[in-house]
PDB file of N, CA and C in Angstrom:
ATOM      1  N   MET A   1       2.529  59.560   9.912  1.00  0.00           N
ATOM      2  CA  MET A   1       2.728  60.211  10.889  1.00  0.00           C
ATOM      3  C   MET A   1       1.289  60.257  11.688  1.00  0.00           C
ATOM      4  N   MET A   2       0.613  60.810  11.054  1.00  0.00           N
ATOM      5  CA  MET A   2      -0.455  61.341  11.625  1.00  0.00           C
ATOM      6  C   MET A   2      -1.568  60.173  12.297  1.00  0.00           C
ATOM      7  N   ASP A   3      -1.252  58.712  11.634  1.00  0.00           N
ATOM      8  CA  ASP A   3      -1.895  57.354  12.350  1.00  0.00           C
ATOM      9  C   ASP A   3      -0.944  57.234  13.602  1.00  0.00           C
ATOM     10  N   ARG A   4       0.196  57.377  13.687  1.00  0.00           N
ATOM     11  CA  ARG A   4       1.190  56.931  14.614  1.00  0.00           C
ATOM     12  C   ARG A   4       1.124  58.035  16.084  1.00  0.00           C
ATOM     13  N   ASN A   5       0.836  59.322  15.592  1.00  0.00           N
ATOM     14  CA  ASN A   5       1.003  60.441  16.442  1.00  0.00           C
ATOM     15  C   ASN A   5       0.393  61.760  16.089  1.00  0.00           C
ATOM     16  N   PRO A   6      -1.168  61.716  16.189  1.00  0.00           N
ATOM     17  CA  PRO A   6      -1.686  62.655  15.577  1.00  0.00           C
ATOM     18  C   PRO A   6      -1.498  64.284  16.627  1.00  0.00           C
ATOM     19  N   ASP A   7      -1.218  64.022  17.784  1.00  0.00           N
ATOM     20  CA  ASP A   7      -1.165  65.601  18.602  1.00  0.00           C
ATOM     21  C   ASP A   7      -0.011  65.616  18.661  1.00  0.00           C
ATOM     22  N   SER A   8       1.037  65.267  17.748  1.00  0.00           N
ATOM     23  CA  SER A   8       2.441  65.824  17.918  1.00  0.00           C
ATOM     24  C   SER A   8       2.695  66.964  17.557  1.00  0.00           C
ATOM     25  N   GLN A   9       3.479  68.056  17.909  1.00  0.00           N
ATOM     26  CA  GLN A   9       3.780  69.291  17.415  1.00  0.00           C
ATOM     27  C   GLN A   9       4.648  68.888  16.190  1.00  0.00           C
ATOM     28  N   GLU A  10       5.688  68.033  16.157  1.00  0.00           N
ATOM     29  CA  GLU A  10       5.935  67.656  14.691  1.00  0.00           C
ATOM     30  C   GLU A  10       5.205  67.771  13.356  1.00  0.00           C
ATOM     31  N   THR A  11       4.212  66.891  13.850  1.00  0.00           N
ATOM     32  CA  THR A  11       3.342  66.461  13.130  1.00  0.00           C
ATOM     33  C   THR A  11       2.456  67.697  12.288  1.00  0.00           C
ATOM     34  N   ALA A  12       2.038  68.586  13.286  1.00  0.00           N
ATOM     35  CA  ALA A  12       1.577  69.994  13.071  1.00  0.00           C
ATOM     36  C   ALA A  12       2.413  70.669  12.100  1.00  0.00           C
ATOM     37  N   MET A  13       3.772  70.597  12.409  1.00  0.00           N
ATOM     38  CA  MET A  13       4.619  71.288  11.502  1.00  0.00           C
ATOM     39  C   MET A  13       4.747  71.043  10.085  1.00  0.00           C
ATOM     40  N   LEU A  14       4.978  69.569  10.103  1.00  0.00           N
ATOM     41  CA  LEU A  14       5.052  68.989   8.717  1.00  0.00           C
ATOM     42  C   LEU A  14       3.813  69.486   7.882  1.00  0.00           C
ATOM     43  N   ALA A  15       2.727  69.387   8.713  1.00  0.00           N
ATOM     44  CA  ALA A  15       1.507  69.710   7.947  1.00  0.00           C
ATOM     45  C   ALA A  15       1.017  71.170   7.042  1.00  0.00           C
ATOM     46  N   ALA A  16       1.852  72.172   8.416  1.00  0.00           N
ATOM     47  CA  ALA A  16       2.035  73.318   7.889  1.00  0.00           C
ATOM     48  C   ALA A  16       2.767  73.710   6.576  1.00  0.00           C
ATOM     49  N   MET A  17       4.159  72.614   6.732  1.00  0.00           N
ATOM     50  CA  MET A  17       5.148  72.814   5.721  1.00  0.00           C
ATOM     51  C   MET A  17       4.330  72.696   4.543  1.00  0.00           C
ATOM     52  N   SER A  18       3.967  71.416   4.564  1.00  0.00           N
ATOM     53  CA  SER A  18       2.689  70.804   3.318  1.00  0.00           C
ATOM     54  C   SER A  18       1.998  72.071   2.833  1.00  0.00           C
ATOM     55  N   LYS A  19       1.107  72.704   3.976  1.00  0.00           N
ATOM     56  CA  LYS A  19       0.442  73.409   3.360  1.00  0.00           C
ATOM     57  C   LYS A  19       0.813  74.696   3.031  1.00  0.00           C
ATOM     58  N   LEU A  20       2.121  75.090   3.313  1.00  0.00           N
ATOM     59  CA  LEU A  20       2.576  76.309   2.864  1.00  0.00           C
ATOM     60  C   LEU A  20       3.151  76.102   1.265  1.00  0.00           C
ATOM     61  N   THR A  21       3.998  74.827   1.314  1.00  0.00           N
ATOM     62  CA  THR A  21       4.422  74.853  -0.060  1.00  0.00           C
ATOM     63  C   THR A  21       3.273  74.438  -1.219  1.00  0.00           C
ATOM     64  N   ALA A  22       2.179  73.952  -0.792  1.00  0.00           N
ATOM     65  CA  ALA A  22       1.224  73.367  -1.904  1.00  0.00           C
ATOM     66  C   ALA A  22       0.770  74.458  -3.223  1.00  0.00           C
ATOM     67  N   PRO A  23       0.206  75.503  -2.496  1.00  0.00           N
ATOM     68  CA  PRO A  23      -0.114  76.789  -3.037  1.00  0.00           C
ATOM     69  C   PRO A  23       0.994  77.299  -4.334  1.00  0.00           C
ATOM     70  N   GLN A  24       2.526  77.139  -3.550  1.00  0.00           N
ATOM     71  CA  GLN A  24       3.257  77.572  -4.423  1.00  0.00           C
ATOM     72  C   GLN A  24       3.673  76.810  -5.658  1.00  0.00           C
ATOM     73  N   VAL A  25       3.528  75.616  -5.477  1.00  0.00           N
ATOM     74  CA  VAL A  25       3.565  74.640  -6.297  1.00  0.00           C
ATOM     75  C   VAL A  25       2.454  74.428  -7.350  1.00  0.00           C
ATOM     76  N   ALA A  26       1.378  74.800  -6.926  1.00  0.00           N
ATOM     77  CA  ALA A  26       0.289  74.697  -7.953  1.00  0.00           C
ATOM     78  C   ALA A  26       0.456  75.748  -8.816  1.00  0.00           C
ATOM     79  N   PHE A  27       0.916  76.905  -8.057  1.00  0.00           N
ATOM     80  CA  PHE A  27       1.257  78.025  -8.986  1.00  0.00           C
ATOM     81  C   PHE A  27       1.933  77.996 -10.125  1.00  0.00           C
ATOM     82  N   ASP A  28       3.286  77.467  -9.719  1.00  0.00           N
ATOM     83  CA  ASP A  28       4.385  77.302 -10.689  1.00  0.00           C
ATOM     84  C   ASP A  28       3.649  76.380 -11.878  1.00  0.00           C
ATOM     85  N   ILE A  29       2.857  75.211 -11.650  1.00  0.00           N
ATOM     86  CA  ILE A  29       2.760  73.952 -12.952  1.00  0.00           C
ATOM     87  C   ILE A  29       1.273  75.205 -13.300  1.00  0.00           C
ATOM     88  N   SER A  30       0.604  75.732 -13.066  1.00  0.00           N
ATOM     89  CA  SER A  30      -0.734  76.588 -13.438  1.00  0.00           C
ATOM     90  C   SER A  30       0.226  77.276 -14.344  1.00  0.00           C
ATOM     91  N   LYS A  31       0.765  78.212 -14.083  1.00  0.00           N
ATOM     92  CA  LYS A  31       2.137  79.229 -14.924  1.00  0.00           C
ATOM     93  C   LYS A  31       2.384  78.158 -16.100  1.00  0.00           C
ATOM     94  N   ALA A  32       3.152  77.514 -15.963  1.00  0.00           N
ATOM     95  CA  ALA A  32       3.678  77.021 -16.689  1.00  0.00           C
ATOM     96  C   ALA A  32       2.400  76.116 -17.868  1.00  0.00           C
ATOM     97  N   VAL A  33       1.782  75.724 -17.495  1.00  0.00           N
ATOM     98  CA  VAL A  33       0.262  75.087 -18.080  1.00  0.00           C
ATOM     99  C   VAL A  33      -0.198  76.073 -18.979  1.00  0.00           C
ATOM    100  N   MET A  34      -0.333  77.449 -18.271  1.00  0.00           N
ATOM    101  CA  MET A  34      -0.670  78.477 -19.333  1.00  0.00           C
ATOM    102  C   MET A  34       0.283  78.958 -20.736  1.00  0.00           C
ATOM    103  N   MET A  35       1.509  79.057 -20.040  1.00  0.00           N
ATOM    104  CA  MET A  35       2.297  79.354 -20.751  1.00  0.00           C
ATOM    105  C   MET A  35       2.523  78.256 -22.338  1.00  0.00           C
ATOM    106  N   TRP A  36       2.403  77.165 -21.928  1.00  0.00           N
ATOM    107  CA  TRP A  36       2.407  75.871 -22.911  1.00  0.00           C
ATOM    108  C   TRP A  36       1.111  76.736 -23.602  1.00  0.00           C
ATOM    109  N   MET A  37      -0.128  76.925 -23.164  1.00  0.00           N
ATOM    110  CA  MET A  37      -1.095  77.081 -23.943  1.00  0.00           C
ATOM    111  C   MET A  37      -1.011  78.183 -24.732  1.00  0.00           C
ATOM    112  N   GLY A  38      -0.398  79.177 -24.328  1.00  0.00           N
ATOM    113  CA  GLY A  38      -0.435  80.483 -24.986  1.00  0.00           C
ATOM    114  C   GLY A  38      -1.245  81.347 -24.768  1.00  0.00           C
ATOM    115  N   ALA A  39      -1.551  82.224 -25.973  1.00  0.00           N
ATOM    116  CA  ALA A  39      -3.026  83.359 -25.386  1.00  0.00           C
ATOM    117  C   ALA A  39      -4.068  82.630 -24.837  1.00  0.00           C
ATOM    118  N   TYR A  40      -4.153  81.547 -25.442  1.00  0.00           N
ATOM    119  CA  TYR A  40      -5.327  80.884 -25.092  1.00  0.00           C
ATOM    120  C   TYR A  40      -5.447  80.383 -23.614  1.00  0.00           C
ATOM    121  N   GLY A  41      -4.502  80.251 -23.073  1.00  0.00           N
ATOM    122  CA  GLY A  41      -4.520  79.680 -21.891  1.00  0.00           C
ATOM    123  C   GLY A  41      -5.242  81.216 -20.679  1.00  0.00           C
ATOM    124  N   TYR A  42      -4.760  82.226 -21.453  1.00  0.00           N
ATOM    125  CA  TYR A  42      -5.186  83.492 -20.445  1.00  0.00           C
ATOM    126  C   TYR A  42      -6.622  83.673 -20.736  1.00  0.00           C
ATOM    127  N   SER A  43      -7.096  83.122 -21.798  1.00  0.00           N
ATOM    128  CA  SER A  43      -8.697  83.946 -22.123  1.00  0.00           C
ATOM    129  C   SER A  43      -9.444  82.868 -21.206  1.00  0.00           C
ATOM    130  N   LYS A  44     -10.876  83.336 -20.899  1.00  0.00           N
ATOM    131  CA  LYS A  44     -11.746  82.868 -20.090  1.00  0.00           C
ATOM    132  C   LYS A  44     -12.231  81.983 -20.755  1.00  0.00           C
ATOM    133  N   ASP A  45     -11.880  81.400 -21.658  1.00  0.00           N
ATOM    134  CA  ASP A  45     -12.484  80.108 -22.531  1.00  0.00           C
ATOM    135  C   ASP A  45     -11.773  78.985 -21.740  1.00  0.00           C
ATOM    136  N   ALA A  46     -10.576  79.152 -21.200  1.00  0.00           N
ATOM    137  CA  ALA A  46      -9.295  78.044 -20.720  1.00  0.00           C
ATOM    138  C   ALA A  46      -9.747  78.021 -19.234  1.00  0.00           C
ATOM    139  N   LEU A  47     -10.696  76.743 -19.111  1.00  0.00           N
ATOM    140  CA  LEU A  47     -10.293  76.573 -17.601  1.00  0.00           C
ATOM    141  C   LEU A  47      -9.176  76.824 -16.576  1.00  0.00           C
ATOM    142  N   ILE A  48      -8.127  76.829 -17.124  1.00  0.00           N
ATOM    143  CA  ILE A  48      -6.817  77.258 -16.335  1.00  0.00           C
ATOM    144  C   ILE A  48      -6.957  78.245 -15.693  1.00  0.00           C
ATOM    145  N   GLU A  49      -7.344  79.411 -16.586  1.00  0.00           N
ATOM    146  CA  GLU A  49      -7.189  80.532 -15.932  1.00  0.00           C
ATOM    147  C   GLU A  49      -8.104  80.793 -15.058  1.00  0.00           C
ATOM    148  N   MET A  50      -9.256  79.737 -14.831  1.00  0.00           N
ATOM    149  CA  MET A  50      -9.951  80.561 -13.539  1.00  0.00           C
ATOM    150  C   MET A  50      -9.129  79.861 -12.650  1.00  0.00           C
ATOM    151  N   GLY A  51      -8.509  78.529 -12.792  1.00  0.00           N
ATOM    152  CA  GLY A  51      -7.710  77.677 -11.581  1.00  0.00           C
ATOM    153  C   GLY A  51      -6.631  78.813 -11.375  1.00  0.00           C
ATOM    154  N   PHE A  52      -6.220  79.457 -12.177  1.00  0.00           N
ATOM    155  CA  PHE A  52      -4.787  80.196 -11.762  1.00  0.00           C
ATOM    156  C   PHE A  52      -5.207  81.377 -10.927  1.00  0.00           C
ATOM    157  N   ARG A  53      -6.661  82.385 -11.578  1.00  0.00           N
ATOM    158  CA  ARG A  53      -6.729  83.253 -10.573  1.00  0.00           C
ATOM    159  C   ARG A  53      -7.186  82.600  -8.747  1.00  0.00           C
ATOM    160  N   GLY A  54      -7.692  81.491  -9.000  1.00  0.00           N
ATOM    161  CA  GLY A  54      -8.047  80.765  -7.611  1.00  0.00           C
ATOM    162  C   GLY A  54      -6.785  80.461  -6.746  1.00  0.00           C
ATOM    163  N   ILE A  55      -5.777  80.318  -7.670  1.00  0.00           N
ATOM    164  CA  ILE A  55      -4.461  79.826  -6.672  1.00  0.00           C
ATOM    165  C   ILE A  55      -3.729  81.627  -6.214  1.00  0.00           C
ATOM    166  N   VAL A  56      -3.747  82.252  -7.346  1.00  0.00           N
ATOM    167  CA  VAL A  56      -3.002  83.809  -6.856  1.00  0.00           C
ATOM    168  C   VAL A  56      -4.172  84.074  -5.961  1.00  0.00           C
ATOM    169  N   SER A  57      -5.089  84.032  -5.881  1.00  0.00           N
ATOM    170  CA  SER A  57      -5.868  84.543  -4.891  1.00  0.00           C
ATOM    171  C   SER A  57      -5.298  83.765  -3.723  1.00  0.00           C
ATOM    172  N   TYR A  58      -5.087  83.001  -3.411  1.00  0.00           N
ATOM    173  CA  TYR A  58      -4.766  82.071  -2.142  1.00  0.00           C
ATOM    174  C   TYR A  58      -3.309  82.515  -1.612  1.00  0.00           C
ATOM    175  N   LEU A  59      -2.413  82.579  -2.687  1.00  0.00           N
ATOM    176  CA  LEU A  59      -1.243  83.063  -2.325  1.00  0.00           C
ATOM    177  C   LEU A  59      -1.277  84.501  -1.623  1.00  0.00           C
ATOM    178  N   VAL A  60      -2.135  85.684  -2.503  1.00  0.00           N
ATOM    179  CA  VAL A  60      -2.276  87.029  -2.472  1.00  0.00           C
ATOM    180  C   VAL A  60      -2.882  87.080  -0.891  1.00  0.00           C
ATOM    181  N   GLY A  61      -3.937  86.566  -0.868  1.00  0.00           N
ATOM    182  CA  GLY A  61      -4.854  86.779  -0.019  1.00  0.00           C
ATOM    183  C   GLY A  61      -5.250  85.545   1.125  1.00  0.00           C
ATOM    184  N   ALA A  62      -6.401  85.108   1.165  1.00  0.00           N
ATOM    185  CA  ALA A  62      -6.608  83.892   1.820  1.00  0.00           C
ATOM    186  C   ALA A  62      -6.546  84.056   3.576  1.00  0.00           C
ATOM    187  N   GLU A  63      -6.650  85.412   3.605  1.00  0.00           N
ATOM    188  CA  GLU A  63      -6.809  85.808   4.999  1.00  0.00           C
ATOM    189  C   GLU A  63      -5.719  85.694   5.705  1.00  0.00           C
ATOM    190  N   GLY A  64      -4.602  85.470   5.055  1.00  0.00           N
ATOM    191  CA  GLY A  64      -3.543  84.994   5.943  1.00  0.00           C
ATOM    192  C   GLY A  64      -3.076  83.967   6.097  1.00  0.00           C
ATOM    193  N   ALA A  65      -3.389  83.022   5.660  1.00  0.00           N
ATOM    194  CA  ALA A  65      -3.190  81.419   5.945  1.00  0.00           C
ATOM    195  C   ALA A  65      -2.001  81.068   5.696  1.00  0.00           C
ATOM    196  N   MET A  66      -1.047  81.731   4.698  1.00  0.00           N
ATOM    197  CA  MET A  66       0.273  81.259   4.399  1.00  0.00           C
ATOM    198  C   MET A  66       1.180  81.875   5.651  1.00  0.00           C
ATOM    199  N   ASN A  67       0.616  83.018   6.153  1.00  0.00           N
ATOM    200  CA  ASN A  67       1.325  83.538   7.186  1.00  0.00           C
ATOM    201  C   ASN A  67       1.310  82.553   8.439  1.00  0.00           C
ATOM    202  N   VAL A  68       0.148  82.135   8.805  1.00  0.00           N
ATOM    203  CA  VAL A  68      -0.244  81.522   9.579  1.00  0.00           C
ATOM    204  C   VAL A  68       0.586  79.995   9.822  1.00  0.00           C
ATOM    205  N   MET A  69       0.724  79.643   8.624  1.00  0.00           N
ATOM    206  CA  MET A  69       1.402  78.470   8.523  1.00  0.00           C
ATOM    207  C   MET A  69       3.234  78.793   8.634  1.00  0.00           C
ATOM    208  N   LYS A  70       3.597  79.538   8.343  1.00  0.00           N
ATOM    209  CA  LYS A  70       4.646  80.166   8.890  1.00  0.00           C
ATOM    210  C   LYS A  70       5.362  80.524  10.510  1.00  0.00           C
ATOM    211  N   LEU A  71       3.950  80.973  10.987  1.00  0.00           N
ATOM    212  CA  LEU A  71       4.113  81.063  12.460  1.00  0.00           C
ATOM    213  C   LEU A  71       4.456  79.576  13.024  1.00  0.00           C
ATOM    214  N   ILE A  72       3.437  78.659  12.660  1.00  0.00           N
ATOM    215  CA  ILE A  72       3.508  77.079  13.311  1.00  0.00           C
ATOM    216  C   ILE A  72       4.697  76.749  13.091  1.00  0.00           C
ATOM    217  N   ILE A  73       5.367  77.059  11.665  1.00  0.00           N
ATOM    218  CA  ILE A  73       6.643  76.484  11.598  1.00  0.00           C
ATOM    219  C   ILE A  73       7.688  76.815  12.163  1.00  0.00           C
ATOM    220  N   ALA A  74       7.622  78.423  12.298  1.00  0.00           N
ATOM    221  CA  ALA A  74       8.693  78.803  13.247  1.00  0.00           C
ATOM    222  C   ALA A  74       8.325  78.688  14.702  1.00  0.00           C
ATOM    223  N   LYS A  75       7.333  78.158  15.217  1.00  0.00           N
ATOM    224  CA  LYS A  75       6.938  78.436  16.768  1.00  0.00           C
ATOM    225  C   LYS A  75       8.090  76.620  17.003  1.00  0.00           C
ATOM    226  N   ARG A  76       7.469  76.072  15.930  1.00  0.00           N
ATOM    227  CA  ARG A  76       7.878  74.546  16.302  1.00  0.00           C
ATOM    228  C   ARG A  76       9.678  74.551  16.149  1.00  0.00           C
ATOM    229  N   LEU A  77      10.703  74.823  15.241  1.00  0.00           N
ATOM    230  CA  LEU A  77      11.364  75.132  14.950  1.00  0.00           C
ATOM    231  C   LEU A  77      12.409  76.096  16.209  1.00  0.00           C
ATOM    232  N   PHE A  78      11.737  76.894  16.730  1.00  0.00           N
ATOM    233  CA  PHE A  78      12.291  77.976  17.510  1.00  0.00           C
ATOM    234  C   PHE A  78      11.905  77.178  19.364  1.00  0.00           C
ATOM    235  N   GLN A  79      11.448  76.146  19.334  1.00  0.00           N
ATOM    236  CA  GLN A  79      10.882  75.642  20.362  1.00  0.00           C
ATOM    237  C   GLN A  79      12.259  75.119  21.009  1.00  0.00           C
ATOM    238  N   ASP A  80      12.853  74.308  20.379  1.00  0.00           N
ATOM    239  CA  ASP A  80      13.665  73.323  20.989  1.00  0.00           C
ATOM    240  C   ASP A  80      15.057  73.967  21.449  1.00  0.00           C
TER     241      ASP A  80
END
C-alpha cells in the first residue's frame, strides 16, 4: 500500500493501526513466555524480563504515542 500511495490518509490510518496493535501483541507474547519460564522469567538473569519491562514502559508511557495513534485512526474514521 505504501508503494502505491504513500501519501494516502488510508495508508496513515493502517500504519497507525499497526503501531497501536503491535505493542499489545508483544506484551501478550512476552507475558506468555514469562509464564512458561516460571519464576526464572521474572529474574534479572532472564533476557525476557528486560524485554517485558521495555514493552510495559511503551504501553504505559512512551510520551502518549498510543494516544496519538488512536487520534490518527479516529480522525480518519470520522472524516468520511
